[in-house]
């Protein structure tokens, strides 16, 4: 009962965060619909499937909310909210192919429904179209910012692939990969409104810092949920990261304090991408008993605090308050 009440409260706070930008989020969705209608049939089919698979729309919501906070009143927030989500969707498609994932958000992945060849090309189209939309507006600075974020994300994927199947990576190396893969696009989404008008440029650095801390916080909570949430809540198998050969922060911290036998067993799971002598239940027990999940939560809370500290330098407004509330809300999310 207590958990149900907590979930209801969390849902209410999520609605509150999105409420002020809901009409413009609906405009972002209509933007997607128009883009898909004009695309070739296979892009329309695959792209529409992924875009309508229940994403949270956090990144476009950040673009919209921060635009309001800065007093921007044009229409570029909708366009670039959509562009950021197109880039994010392209990366999800490519991630699922690289990882061989079967499920995302509780639905079969696009590569499982179609095939790798088709879906990787659709991902390429989504990214190319996002850059094309920047050029249509002549927004070279926006395009430069988004291209830099995409470059960092690709570097993160390359670094992540280079340590796939290994668990002997440091916390610092993991956080570097995470900043590139996840936090850089959060930062870009937060920064874009500061590029819409010259008078807003002075907020760019603070918005970048805010987005980096927010994105890192988001990913660390995601790491915790991989061990604490049910399959139905996550929309993917529990401990999916380790099954795909990836050591996340809870595993890295566990291996720093455990015995050699456990290290060898976890390393074998990562190499084989399957549980063997070490069962799923055994590892979950060791994770929970070790206290590493609380350590990761504390690190995420520290990142959230840093994001809030930076947000204090932004214009005081209801939108800034919503941004701060959303940052704290990340620490409580269940999926």
C-alpha atoms as a PDB file:
ATOM      1  CA  UNK A   1       0.000   0.000   0.000  1.00  0.00           C
ATOM      2  CA  UNK A   2       2.797   2.387   0.950  1.00  0.00           C
ATOM      3  CA  UNK A   3       4.523   1.720  -2.377  1.00  0.00           C
ATOM      4  CA  UNK A   4       1.286   2.381  -4.265  1.00  0.00           C
ATOM      5  CA  UNK A   5       0.821   5.725  -2.492  1.00  0.00           C
ATOM      6  CA  UNK A   6       4.414   6.671  -3.322  1.00  0.00           C
ATOM      7  CA  UNK A   7       3.850   5.786  -6.984  1.00  0.00           C
ATOM      8  CA  UNK A   8       0.666   7.902  -7.088  1.00  0.00           C
ATOM      9  CA  UNK A   9       2.474  10.871  -5.561  1.00  0.00           C
ATOM     10  CA  UNK A  10       5.334  10.472  -8.005  1.00  0.00           C
ATOM     11  CA  UNK A  11       2.904  10.388 -10.932  1.00  0.00           C
ATOM     12  CA  UNK A  12       1.253  13.574  -9.648  1.00  0.00           C
ATOM     13  CA  UNK A  13       4.606  15.355  -9.466  1.00  0.00           C
ATOM     14  CA  UNK A  14       5.504  14.181 -12.965  1.00  0.00           C
ATOM     15  CA  UNK A  15       2.212  15.605 -14.260  1.00  0.00           C
ATOM     16  CA  UNK A  16       2.988  18.879 -12.475  1.00  0.00           C
ATOM     17  CA  UNK A  17       6.397  19.073 -14.162  1.00  0.00           C
ATOM     18  CA  UNK A  18       4.928  18.535 -17.626  1.00  0.00           C
ATOM     19  CA  UNK A  19       1.758  20.588 -17.076  1.00  0.00           C
ATOM     20  CA  UNK A  20       3.169  24.008 -17.982  1.00  0.00           C
ATOM     21  CA  UNK A  21       4.584  22.740 -21.280  1.00  0.00           C
ATOM     22  CA  UNK A  22       1.925  20.146 -22.128  1.00  0.00           C
ATOM     23  CA  UNK A  23       0.390  22.119 -25.031  1.00  0.00           C
ATOM     24  CA  UNK A  24       3.814  22.565 -26.593  1.00  0.00           C
ATOM     25  CA  UNK A  25       4.748  18.915 -26.004  1.00  0.00           C
ATOM     26  CA  UNK A  26       1.618  18.074 -27.980  1.00  0.00           C
ATOM     27  CA  UNK A  27       2.962  20.355 -30.722  1.00  0.00           C
ATOM     28  CA  UNK A  28       6.218  18.375 -30.626  1.00  0.00           C
ATOM     29  CA  UNK A  29       4.220  15.170 -31.119  1.00  0.00           C
ATOM     30  CA  UNK A  30       2.374  16.709 -34.078  1.00  0.00           C
ATOM     31  CA  UNK A  31       5.752  17.734 -35.488  1.00  0.00           C
ATOM     32  CA  UNK A  32       6.809  14.059 -35.340  1.00  0.00           C
ATOM     33  CA  UNK A  33       3.607  13.022 -37.088  1.00  0.00           C
ATOM     34  CA  UNK A  34       4.230  15.446 -39.960  1.00  0.00           C
ATOM     35  CA  UNK A  35       7.828  14.263 -40.290  1.00  0.00           C
ATOM     36  CA  UNK A  36       6.753  10.630 -40.448  1.00  0.00           C
ATOM     37  CA  UNK A  37       3.992  11.370 -42.961  1.00  0.00           C
ATOM     38  CA  UNK A  38       6.554  12.895 -45.331  1.00  0.00           C
ATOM     39  CA  UNK A  39       9.119  10.108 -44.931  1.00  0.00           C
ATOM     40  CA  UNK A  40       9.529   7.047 -47.147  1.00  0.00           C
ATOM     41  CA  UNK A  41       7.291   4.114 -46.104  1.00  0.00           C
ATOM     42  CA  UNK A  42       9.868   2.090 -44.151  1.00  0.00           C
ATOM     43  CA  UNK A  43      11.025   5.136 -42.162  1.00  0.00           C
ATOM     44  CA  UNK A  44       7.389   5.994 -41.500  1.00  0.00           C
ATOM     45  CA  UNK A  45       6.711   2.475 -40.246  1.00  0.00           C
ATOM     46  CA  UNK A  46       9.830   1.887 -38.132  1.00  0.00           C
ATOM     47  CA  UNK A  47      10.332   5.493 -36.998  1.00  0.00           C
ATOM     48  CA  UNK A  48       6.688   5.840 -36.051  1.00  0.00           C
ATOM     49  CA  UNK A  49       6.860   2.598 -34.068  1.00  0.00           C
ATOM     50  CA  UNK A  50       9.839   3.778 -32.006  1.00  0.00           C
ATOM     51  CA  UNK A  51       8.637   7.363 -31.525  1.00  0.00           C
ATOM     52  CA  UNK A  52       5.279   6.079 -30.271  1.00  0.00           C
ATOM     53  CA  UNK A  53       6.697   3.446 -27.905  1.00  0.00           C
ATOM     54  CA  UNK A  54       5.994   5.336 -24.688  1.00  0.00           C
ATOM     55  CA  UNK A  55       9.082   7.508 -24.258  1.00  0.00           C
ATOM     56  CA  UNK A  56       9.056   9.997 -21.387  1.00  0.00           C
ATOM     57  CA  UNK A  57       9.858  12.994 -23.650  1.00  0.00           C
ATOM     58  CA  UNK A  58      12.146  14.344 -20.904  1.00  0.00           C
ATOM     59  CA  UNK A  59      14.599  15.980 -23.305  1.00  0.00           C
ATOM     60  CA  UNK A  60      12.038  17.925 -25.362  1.00  0.00           C
ATOM     61  CA  UNK A  61      10.294  18.893 -22.119  1.00  0.00           C
ATOM     62  CA  UNK A  62      13.584  20.382 -20.904  1.00  0.00           C
ATOM     63  CA  UNK A  63      13.936  22.411 -24.113  1.00  0.00           C
ATOM     64  CA  UNK A  64      10.376  23.714 -23.736  1.00  0.00           C
ATOM     65  CA  UNK A  65      10.523  24.421 -20.007  1.00  0.00           C
ATOM     66  CA  UNK A  66      13.880  26.205 -20.139  1.00  0.00           C
ATOM     67  CA  UNK A  67      12.709  28.260 -23.124  1.00  0.00           C
ATOM     68  CA  UNK A  68       9.784  29.511 -21.033  1.00  0.00           C
ATOM     69  CA  UNK A  69      12.057  30.138 -18.053  1.00  0.00           C
ATOM     70  CA  UNK A  70      14.303  32.349 -20.211  1.00  0.00           C
ATOM     71  CA  UNK A  71      11.302  34.252 -21.556  1.00  0.00           C
ATOM     72  CA  UNK A  72      11.598  32.941 -25.114  1.00  0.00           C
ATOM     73  CA  UNK A  73       8.309  33.328 -27.009  1.00  0.00           C
ATOM     74  CA  UNK A  74       9.087  32.075 -30.531  1.00  0.00           C
ATOM     75  CA  UNK A  75       8.517  28.648 -32.067  1.00  0.00           C
ATOM     76  CA  UNK A  76      12.053  27.267 -32.217  1.00  0.00           C
ATOM     77  CA  UNK A  77      11.544  25.497 -28.876  1.00  0.00           C
ATOM     78  CA  UNK A  78       9.031  23.114 -30.480  1.00  0.00           C
ATOM     79  CA  UNK A  79      11.227  22.455 -33.504  1.00  0.00           C
ATOM     80  CA  UNK A  80      14.335  21.797 -31.443  1.00  0.00           C
ATOM     81  CA  UNK A  81      12.477  19.843 -28.796  1.00  0.00           C
ATOM     82  CA  UNK A  82      11.537  17.531 -31.663  1.00  0.00           C
ATOM     83  CA  UNK A  83      15.083  17.546 -33.068  1.00  0.00           C
ATOM     84  CA  UNK A  84      16.562  16.486 -29.717  1.00  0.00           C
ATOM     85  CA  UNK A  85      14.052  13.643 -29.466  1.00  0.00           C
ATOM     86  CA  UNK A  86      14.839  12.537 -33.029  1.00  0.00           C
ATOM     87  CA  UNK A  87      18.532  12.316 -32.101  1.00  0.00           C
ATOM     88  CA  UNK A  88      17.689  10.462 -28.881  1.00  0.00           C
ATOM     89  CA  UNK A  89      15.471   8.025 -30.803  1.00  0.00           C
ATOM     90  CA  UNK A  90      18.227   7.394 -33.357  1.00  0.00           C
ATOM     91  CA  UNK A  91      20.644   6.531 -30.534  1.00  0.00           C
ATOM     92  CA  UNK A  92      18.112   4.143 -28.946  1.00  0.00           C
ATOM     93  CA  UNK A  93      17.705   2.319 -32.253  1.00  0.00           C
ATOM     94  CA  UNK A  94      21.465   1.986 -32.668  1.00  0.00           C
ATOM     95  CA  UNK A  95      21.920   0.977 -28.995  1.00  0.00           C
ATOM     96  CA  UNK A  96      19.392  -1.840 -29.319  1.00  0.00           C
ATOM     97  CA  UNK A  97      21.164  -3.186 -32.394  1.00  0.00           C
ATOM     98  CA  UNK A  98      24.591  -3.033 -30.718  1.00  0.00           C
ATOM     99  CA  UNK A  99      23.253  -4.673 -27.538  1.00  0.00           C
ATOM    100  CA  UNK A 100      21.077  -7.236 -29.311  1.00  0.00           C
ATOM    101  CA  UNK A 101      18.180  -6.102 -27.119  1.00  0.00           C
ATOM    102  CA  UNK A 102      14.757  -7.713 -27.462  1.00  0.00           C
ATOM    103  CA  UNK A 103      12.716  -5.348 -25.288  1.00  0.00           C
ATOM    104  CA  UNK A 104      12.502  -1.608 -24.710  1.00  0.00           C
ATOM    105  CA  UNK A 105       9.760   0.056 -22.670  1.00  0.00           C
ATOM    106  CA  UNK A 106       7.967  -3.277 -22.484  1.00  0.00           C
ATOM    107  CA  UNK A 107       7.685  -3.676 -26.256  1.00  0.00           C
ATOM    108  CA  UNK A 108       9.785  -5.624 -28.760  1.00  0.00           C
ATOM    109  CA  UNK A 109      12.648  -3.503 -30.080  1.00  0.00           C
ATOM    110  CA  UNK A 110      12.557  -2.273 -33.676  1.00  0.00           C
ATOM    111  CA  UNK A 111      15.457  -4.543 -34.635  1.00  0.00           C
ATOM    112  CA  UNK A 112      13.488  -7.503 -33.280  1.00  0.00           C
ATOM    113  CA  UNK A 113      10.353  -6.520 -35.235  1.00  0.00           C
ATOM    114  CA  UNK A 114      12.210  -5.819 -38.484  1.00  0.00           C
ATOM    115  CA  UNK A 115      15.940  -6.487 -38.859  1.00  0.00           C
ATOM    116  CA  UNK A 116      19.279  -4.863 -38.083  1.00  0.00           C
ATOM    117  CA  UNK A 117      19.878  -3.630 -41.629  1.00  0.00           C
ATOM    118  CA  UNK A 118      16.552  -1.804 -41.834  1.00  0.00           C
ATOM    119  CA  UNK A 119      16.599  -0.350 -38.339  1.00  0.00           C
ATOM    120  CA  UNK A 120      20.185   0.949 -38.478  1.00  0.00           C
ATOM    121  CA  UNK A 121      19.312   2.807 -41.687  1.00  0.00           C
ATOM    122  CA  UNK A 122      16.196   4.276 -40.084  1.00  0.00           C
ATOM    123  CA  UNK A 123      18.353   5.439 -37.170  1.00  0.00           C
ATOM    124  CA  UNK A 124      20.716   7.065 -39.678  1.00  0.00           C
ATOM    125  CA  UNK A 125      17.761   8.768 -41.376  1.00  0.00           C
ATOM    126  CA  UNK A 126      16.446  10.156 -38.081  1.00  0.00           C
ATOM    127  CA  UNK A 127      19.826  11.650 -37.239  1.00  0.00           C
ATOM    128  CA  UNK A 128      20.341  13.061 -40.745  1.00  0.00           C
ATOM    129  CA  UNK A 129      16.869  14.591 -40.708  1.00  0.00           C
ATOM    130  CA  UNK A 130      17.549  16.215 -37.335  1.00  0.00           C
ATOM    131  CA  UNK A 131      20.591  18.007 -38.790  1.00  0.00           C
ATOM    132  CA  UNK A 132      18.598  18.930 -41.894  1.00  0.00           C
ATOM    133  CA  UNK A 133      15.993  20.630 -39.699  1.00  0.00           C
ATOM    134  CA  UNK A 134      18.731  22.761 -38.123  1.00  0.00           C
ATOM    135  CA  UNK A 135      19.908  23.841 -41.575  1.00  0.00           C
ATOM    136  CA  UNK A 136      16.378  24.771 -42.639  1.00  0.00           C
ATOM    137  CA  UNK A 137      16.397  27.401 -39.901  1.00  0.00           C
ATOM    138  CA  UNK A 138      19.991  28.392 -40.642  1.00  0.00           C
ATOM    139  CA  UNK A 139      20.889  27.701 -37.006  1.00  0.00           C
ATOM    140  CA  UNK A 140      24.590  26.969 -37.340  1.00  0.00           C
ATOM    141  CA  UNK A 141      25.292  27.416 -33.606  1.00  0.00           C
ATOM    142  CA  UNK A 142      22.454  25.060 -32.669  1.00  0.00           C
ATOM    143  CA  UNK A 143      23.685  22.538 -35.210  1.00  0.00           C
ATOM    144  CA  UNK A 144      27.244  22.873 -33.875  1.00  0.00           C
ATOM    145  CA  UNK A 145      26.025  22.217 -30.323  1.00  0.00           C
ATOM    146  CA  UNK A 146      23.946  19.183 -31.343  1.00  0.00           C
ATOM    147  CA  UNK A 147      26.695  17.802 -33.555  1.00  0.00           C
ATOM    148  CA  UNK A 148      29.205  18.121 -30.683  1.00  0.00           C
ATOM    149  CA  UNK A 149      26.815  16.256 -28.376  1.00  0.00           C
ATOM    150  CA  UNK A 150      26.317  13.510 -30.961  1.00  0.00           C
ATOM    151  CA  UNK A 151      30.080  13.214 -31.447  1.00  0.00           C
ATOM    152  CA  UNK A 152      30.527  12.766 -27.679  1.00  0.00           C
ATOM    153  CA  UNK A 153      27.707  10.199 -27.605  1.00  0.00           C
ATOM    154  CA  UNK A 154      29.370   8.227 -30.382  1.00  0.00           C
ATOM    155  CA  UNK A 155      32.695   8.372 -28.534  1.00  0.00           C
ATOM    156  CA  UNK A 156      30.890   7.064 -25.459  1.00  0.00           C
ATOM    157  CA  UNK A 157      29.467   4.156 -27.440  1.00  0.00           C
ATOM    158  CA  UNK A 158      32.916   3.340 -28.830  1.00  0.00           C
ATOM    159  CA  UNK A 159      34.483   3.442 -25.356  1.00  0.00           C
ATOM    160  CA  UNK A 160      31.622   1.344 -23.984  1.00  0.00           C
ATOM    161  CA  UNK A 161      32.053  -1.230 -26.755  1.00  0.00           C
ATOM    162  CA  UNK A 162      35.787  -1.418 -26.013  1.00  0.00           C
ATOM    163  CA  UNK A 163      35.093  -2.625 -22.456  1.00  0.00           C
ATOM    164  CA  UNK A 164      32.085  -4.815 -23.283  1.00  0.00           C
ATOM    165  CA  UNK A 165      32.364  -8.149 -21.526  1.00  0.00           C
ATOM    166  CA  UNK A 166      34.803  -6.745 -18.945  1.00  0.00           C
ATOM    167  CA  UNK A 167      34.223  -5.743 -15.337  1.00  0.00           C
ATOM    168  CA  UNK A 168      37.706  -4.413 -14.555  1.00  0.00           C
ATOM    169  CA  UNK A 169      36.906  -0.765 -15.264  1.00  0.00           C
ATOM    170  CA  UNK A 170      37.232   2.081 -12.789  1.00  0.00           C
ATOM    171  CA  UNK A 171      34.483   4.320 -11.505  1.00  0.00           C
ATOM    172  CA  UNK A 172      36.167   7.298 -13.208  1.00  0.00           C
ATOM    173  CA  UNK A 173      36.240   5.507 -16.570  1.00  0.00           C
ATOM    174  CA  UNK A 174      32.605   4.491 -16.196  1.00  0.00           C
ATOM    175  CA  UNK A 175      31.491   8.044 -15.369  1.00  0.00           C
ATOM    176  CA  UNK A 176      33.426   9.366 -18.362  1.00  0.00           C
ATOM    177  CA  UNK A 177      31.583   6.931 -20.637  1.00  0.00           C
ATOM    178  CA  UNK A 178      28.262   7.819 -19.000  1.00  0.00           C
ATOM    179  CA  UNK A 179      28.811  11.546 -19.404  1.00  0.00           C
ATOM    180  CA  UNK A 180      29.475  11.060 -23.106  1.00  0.00           C
ATOM    181  CA  UNK A 181      26.693   8.534 -23.783  1.00  0.00           C
ATOM    182  CA  UNK A 182      23.901  10.079 -21.704  1.00  0.00           C
ATOM    183  CA  UNK A 183      24.660  13.408 -20.067  1.00  0.00           C
ATOM    184  CA  UNK A 184      25.882  15.262 -23.161  1.00  0.00           C
ATOM    185  CA  UNK A 185      22.464  15.094 -24.861  1.00  0.00           C
ATOM    186  CA  UNK A 186      20.775  16.243 -21.635  1.00  0.00           C
ATOM    187  CA  UNK A 187      23.212  19.173 -21.594  1.00  0.00           C
ATOM    188  CA  UNK A 188      22.520  19.987 -25.241  1.00  0.00           C
ATOM    189  CA  UNK A 189      18.756  19.966 -24.620  1.00  0.00           C
ATOM    190  CA  UNK A 190      19.235  22.359 -21.705  1.00  0.00           C
ATOM    191  CA  UNK A 191      21.604  24.670 -23.640  1.00  0.00           C
ATOM    192  CA  UNK A 192      19.647  25.072 -26.870  1.00  0.00           C
ATOM    193  CA  UNK A 193      17.230  27.761 -25.580  1.00  0.00           C
ATOM    194  CA  UNK A 194      20.233  29.945 -24.681  1.00  0.00           C
ATOM    195  CA  UNK A 195      21.149  29.909 -28.388  1.00  0.00           C
ATOM    196  CA  UNK A 196      17.740  31.039 -29.647  1.00  0.00           C
ATOM    197  CA  UNK A 197      18.464  34.754 -29.091  1.00  0.00           C
ATOM    198  CA  UNK A 198      21.747  36.635 -28.494  1.00  0.00           C
ATOM    199  CA  UNK A 199      20.398  38.093 -25.229  1.00  0.00           C
ATOM    200  CA  UNK A 200      20.086  34.556 -23.816  1.00  0.00           C
ATOM    201  CA  UNK A 201      23.663  33.433 -24.581  1.00  0.00           C
ATOM    202  CA  UNK A 202      24.861  34.360 -21.083  1.00  0.00           C
ATOM    203  CA  UNK A 203      22.937  31.420 -19.601  1.00  0.00           C
ATOM    204  CA  UNK A 204      24.595  28.780 -21.789  1.00  0.00           C
ATOM    205  CA  UNK A 205      27.409  27.734 -19.433  1.00  0.00           C
ATOM    206  CA  UNK A 206      25.139  27.321 -16.402  1.00  0.00           C
ATOM    207  CA  UNK A 207      22.600  25.387 -18.457  1.00  0.00           C
ATOM    208  CA  UNK A 208      25.362  23.095 -19.727  1.00  0.00           C
ATOM    209  CA  UNK A 209      26.537  22.387 -16.167  1.00  0.00           C
ATOM    210  CA  UNK A 210      22.952  21.791 -15.083  1.00  0.00           C
ATOM    211  CA  UNK A 211      22.352  19.335 -17.933  1.00  0.00           C
ATOM    212  CA  UNK A 212      25.548  17.355 -17.331  1.00  0.00           C
ATOM    213  CA  UNK A 213      24.729  16.851 -13.645  1.00  0.00           C
ATOM    214  CA  UNK A 214      21.099  16.045 -14.435  1.00  0.00           C
ATOM    215  CA  UNK A 215      22.078  13.496 -17.086  1.00  0.00           C
ATOM    216  CA  UNK A 216      24.602  11.754 -14.835  1.00  0.00           C
ATOM    217  CA  UNK A 217      22.043  11.639 -12.020  1.00  0.00           C
ATOM    218  CA  UNK A 218      19.474  10.148 -14.419  1.00  0.00           C
ATOM    219  CA  UNK A 219      21.854   7.376 -15.489  1.00  0.00           C
ATOM    220  CA  UNK A 220      22.973   6.442 -11.966  1.00  0.00           C
ATOM    221  CA  UNK A 221      19.354   6.024 -10.906  1.00  0.00           C
ATOM    222  CA  UNK A 222      18.861   3.927 -14.037  1.00  0.00           C
ATOM    223  CA  UNK A 223      21.765   1.751 -12.856  1.00  0.00           C
ATOM    224  CA  UNK A 224      20.033   1.228  -9.501  1.00  0.00           C
ATOM    225  CA  UNK A 225      16.686   0.414 -11.129  1.00  0.00           C
ATOM    226  CA  UNK A 226      18.368  -2.340 -13.135  1.00  0.00           C
ATOM    227  CA  UNK A 227      18.678  -4.212  -9.815  1.00  0.00           C
ATOM    228  CA  UNK A 228      15.572  -3.066  -7.924  1.00  0.00           C
ATOM    229  CA  UNK A 229      12.648  -2.821 -10.346  1.00  0.00           C
ATOM    230  CA  UNK A 230      10.468  -5.592 -11.678  1.00  0.00           C
ATOM    231  CA  UNK A 231      10.608  -6.466 -15.376  1.00  0.00           C
ATOM    232  CA  UNK A 232       7.099  -5.018 -15.794  1.00  0.00           C
ATOM    233  CA  UNK A 233       8.191  -1.647 -14.384  1.00  0.00           C
ATOM    234  CA  UNK A 234      11.414  -1.398 -16.386  1.00  0.00           C
ATOM    235  CA  UNK A 235       9.990  -2.718 -19.629  1.00  0.00           C
ATOM    236  CA  UNK A 236      13.130  -4.864 -20.027  1.00  0.00           C
ATOM    237  CA  UNK A 237      14.755  -7.805 -18.191  1.00  0.00           C
ATOM    238  CA  UNK A 238      16.190  -7.158 -14.713  1.00  0.00           C
ATOM    239  CA  UNK A 239      20.009  -6.848 -14.771  1.00  0.00           C
ATOM    240  CA  UNK A 240      19.818  -6.280 -18.518  1.00  0.00           C
ATOM    241  CA  UNK A 241      23.105  -4.363 -18.506  1.00  0.00           C
ATOM    242  CA  UNK A 242      25.174  -7.237 -17.115  1.00  0.00           C
ATOM    243  CA  UNK A 243      23.392  -9.689 -19.416  1.00  0.00           C
ATOM    244  CA  UNK A 244      24.611  -7.496 -22.280  1.00  0.00           C
ATOM    245  CA  UNK A 245      28.180  -7.548 -20.947  1.00  0.00           C
ATOM    246  CA  UNK A 246      28.147  -4.078 -19.376  1.00  0.00           C
ATOM    247  CA  UNK A 247      29.412  -3.352 -15.870  1.00  0.00           C
ATOM    248  CA  UNK A 248      27.496  -0.430 -14.365  1.00  0.00           C
ATOM    249  CA  UNK A 249      28.403   1.485 -11.214  1.00  0.00           C
ATOM    250  CA  UNK A 250      26.749  -0.923  -8.717  1.00  0.00           C
ATOM    251  CA  UNK A 251      28.801  -3.797 -10.151  1.00  0.00           C
ATOM    252  CA  UNK A 252      31.999  -1.727 -10.187  1.00  0.00           C
ATOM    253  CA  UNK A 253      31.535  -0.764  -6.521  1.00  0.00           C
ATOM    254  CA  UNK A 254      30.605  -4.331  -5.535  1.00  0.00           C
ATOM    255  CA  UNK A 255      33.782  -5.729  -7.086  1.00  0.00           C
ATOM    256  CA  UNK A 256      35.892  -3.204  -5.175  1.00  0.00           C
ATOM    257  CA  UNK A 257      34.756  -4.683  -1.864  1.00  0.00           C
ATOM    258  CA  UNK A 258      34.089  -8.356  -2.572  1.00  0.00           C
ATOM    259  CA  UNK A 259      36.235 -11.511  -2.676  1.00  0.00           C
ATOM    260  CA  UNK A 260      38.127 -12.833  -5.697  1.00  0.00           C
ATOM    261  CA  UNK A 261      35.689 -15.706  -6.244  1.00  0.00           C
ATOM    262  CA  UNK A 262      32.779 -13.301  -6.663  1.00  0.00           C
ATOM    263  CA  UNK A 263      34.860 -11.110  -8.974  1.00  0.00           C
ATOM    264  CA  UNK A 264      35.624 -14.120 -11.159  1.00  0.00           C
ATOM    265  CA  UNK A 265      31.975 -15.218 -11.190  1.00  0.00           C
ATOM    266  CA  UNK A 266      30.677 -11.768 -12.144  1.00  0.00           C
ATOM    267  CA  UNK A 267      33.381 -11.464 -14.806  1.00  0.00           C
ATOM    268  CA  UNK A 268      32.203 -14.766 -16.282  1.00  0.00           C
ATOM    269  CA  UNK A 269      28.586 -13.518 -16.441  1.00  0.00           C
ATOM    270  CA  UNK A 270      29.751 -10.400 -18.308  1.00  0.00           C
ATOM    271  CA  UNK A 271      31.902 -12.446 -20.710  1.00  0.00           C
ATOM    272  CA  UNK A 272      29.252 -15.093 -21.383  1.00  0.00           C
ATOM    273  CA  UNK A 273      26.349 -12.618 -21.203  1.00  0.00           C
ATOM    274  CA  UNK A 274      24.478 -15.230 -19.197  1.00  0.00           C
ATOM    275  CA  UNK A 275      24.273 -16.433 -15.614  1.00  0.00           C
ATOM    276  CA  UNK A 276      25.940 -19.743 -14.751  1.00  0.00           C
ATOM    277  CA  UNK A 277      27.527 -20.836 -11.462  1.00  0.00           C
ATOM    278  CA  UNK A 278      26.551 -17.428 -10.106  1.00  0.00           C
ATOM    279  CA  UNK A 279      22.775 -17.253 -10.307  1.00  0.00           C
ATOM    280  CA  UNK A 280      20.694 -14.138 -10.765  1.00  0.00           C
ATOM    281  CA  UNK A 281      19.314 -14.557  -7.221  1.00  0.00           C
ATOM    282  CA  UNK A 282      22.820 -14.933  -5.738  1.00  0.00           C
ATOM    283  CA  UNK A 283      24.045 -11.743  -7.365  1.00  0.00           C
ATOM    284  CA  UNK A 284      20.961  -9.776  -6.343  1.00  0.00           C
ATOM    285  CA  UNK A 285      21.462 -10.922  -2.740  1.00  0.00           C
ATOM    286  CA  UNK A 286      25.114  -9.852  -2.768  1.00  0.00           C
ATOM    287  CA  UNK A 287      24.272  -6.504  -4.353  1.00  0.00           C
ATOM    288  CA  UNK A 288      21.617  -5.737  -1.732  1.00  0.00           C
ATOM    289  CA  UNK A 289      23.723  -6.946   1.204  1.00  0.00           C
ATOM    290  CA  UNK A 290      26.787  -4.970   0.109  1.00  0.00           C
ATOM    291  CA  UNK A 291      25.108  -1.563   0.372  1.00  0.00           C
ATOM    292  CA  UNK A 292      26.379  -0.475  -3.054  1.00  0.00           C
ATOM    293  CA  UNK A 293      22.913   0.576  -4.225  1.00  0.00           C
ATOM    294  CA  UNK A 294      22.743   3.095  -1.392  1.00  0.00           C
ATOM    295  CA  UNK A 295      26.220   4.315  -2.371  1.00  0.00           C
ATOM    296  CA  UNK A 296      25.066   4.872  -5.949  1.00  0.00           C
ATOM    297  CA  UNK A 297      21.928   6.656  -4.725  1.00  0.00           C
ATOM    298  CA  UNK A 298      24.111   8.963  -2.620  1.00  0.00           C
ATOM    299  CA  UNK A 299      26.246   9.774  -5.652  1.00  0.00           C
ATOM    300  CA  UNK A 300      23.092  10.481  -7.668  1.00  0.00           C
ATOM    301  CA  UNK A 301      21.766  12.723  -4.878  1.00  0.00           C
ATOM    302  CA  UNK A 302      25.052  14.637  -4.864  1.00  0.00           C
ATOM    303  CA  UNK A 303      24.759  15.189  -8.619  1.00  0.00           C
ATOM    304  CA  UNK A 304      21.164  16.361  -8.176  1.00  0.00           C
ATOM    305  CA  UNK A 305      22.324  18.815  -5.502  1.00  0.00           C
ATOM    306  CA  UNK A 306      24.972  20.165  -7.876  1.00  0.00           C
ATOM    307  CA  UNK A 307      22.358  20.616 -10.601  1.00  0.00           C
ATOM    308  CA  UNK A 308      20.103  22.514  -8.196  1.00  0.00           C
ATOM    309  CA  UNK A 309      23.002  24.738  -7.090  1.00  0.00           C
ATOM    310  CA  UNK A 310      23.628  25.682 -10.721  1.00  0.00           C
ATOM    311  CA  UNK A 311      19.900  26.248 -11.314  1.00  0.00           C
ATOM    312  CA  UNK A 312      19.941  28.981  -8.644  1.00  0.00           C
ATOM    313  CA  UNK A 313      21.895  31.128 -11.137  1.00  0.00           C
ATOM    314  CA  UNK A 314      19.043  30.909 -13.669  1.00  0.00           C
ATOM    315  CA  UNK A 315      16.105  33.369 -13.849  1.00  0.00           C
ATOM    316  CA  UNK A 316      13.760  33.004 -10.885  1.00  0.00           C
ATOM    317  CA  UNK A 317      10.398  31.772 -12.160  1.00  0.00           C
ATOM    318  CA  UNK A 318       7.791  29.005 -11.780  1.00  0.00           C
ATOM    319  CA  UNK A 319       9.622  27.175 -14.578  1.00  0.00           C
ATOM    320  CA  UNK A 320      12.873  27.235 -12.626  1.00  0.00           C
ATOM    321  CA  UNK A 321      11.011  25.843  -9.599  1.00  0.00           C
ATOM    322  CA  UNK A 322       9.596  23.070 -11.805  1.00  0.00           C
ATOM    323  CA  UNK A 323      13.093  22.339 -13.094  1.00  0.00           C
ATOM    324  CA  UNK A 324      14.415  22.004  -9.546  1.00  0.00           C
ATOM    325  CA  UNK A 325      11.467  19.782  -8.551  1.00  0.00           C
ATOM    326  CA  UNK A 326      12.076  17.594 -11.593  1.00  0.00           C
ATOM    327  CA  UNK A 327      15.717  17.183 -10.584  1.00  0.00           C
ATOM    328  CA  UNK A 328      14.719  15.878  -7.151  1.00  0.00           C
ATOM    329  CA  UNK A 329      12.047  13.736  -8.789  1.00  0.00           C
ATOM    330  CA  UNK A 330      14.687  11.810 -10.736  1.00  0.00           C
ATOM    331  CA  UNK A 331      15.932  10.360  -7.448  1.00  0.00           C
ATOM    332  CA  UNK A 332      12.514   8.795  -6.820  1.00  0.00           C
ATOM    333  CA  UNK A 333      11.681   7.393 -10.229  1.00  0.00           C
ATOM    334  CA  UNK A 334      10.725   3.734 -10.530  1.00  0.00           C
ATOM    335  CA  UNK A 335      11.237   3.244 -14.270  1.00  0.00           C
END
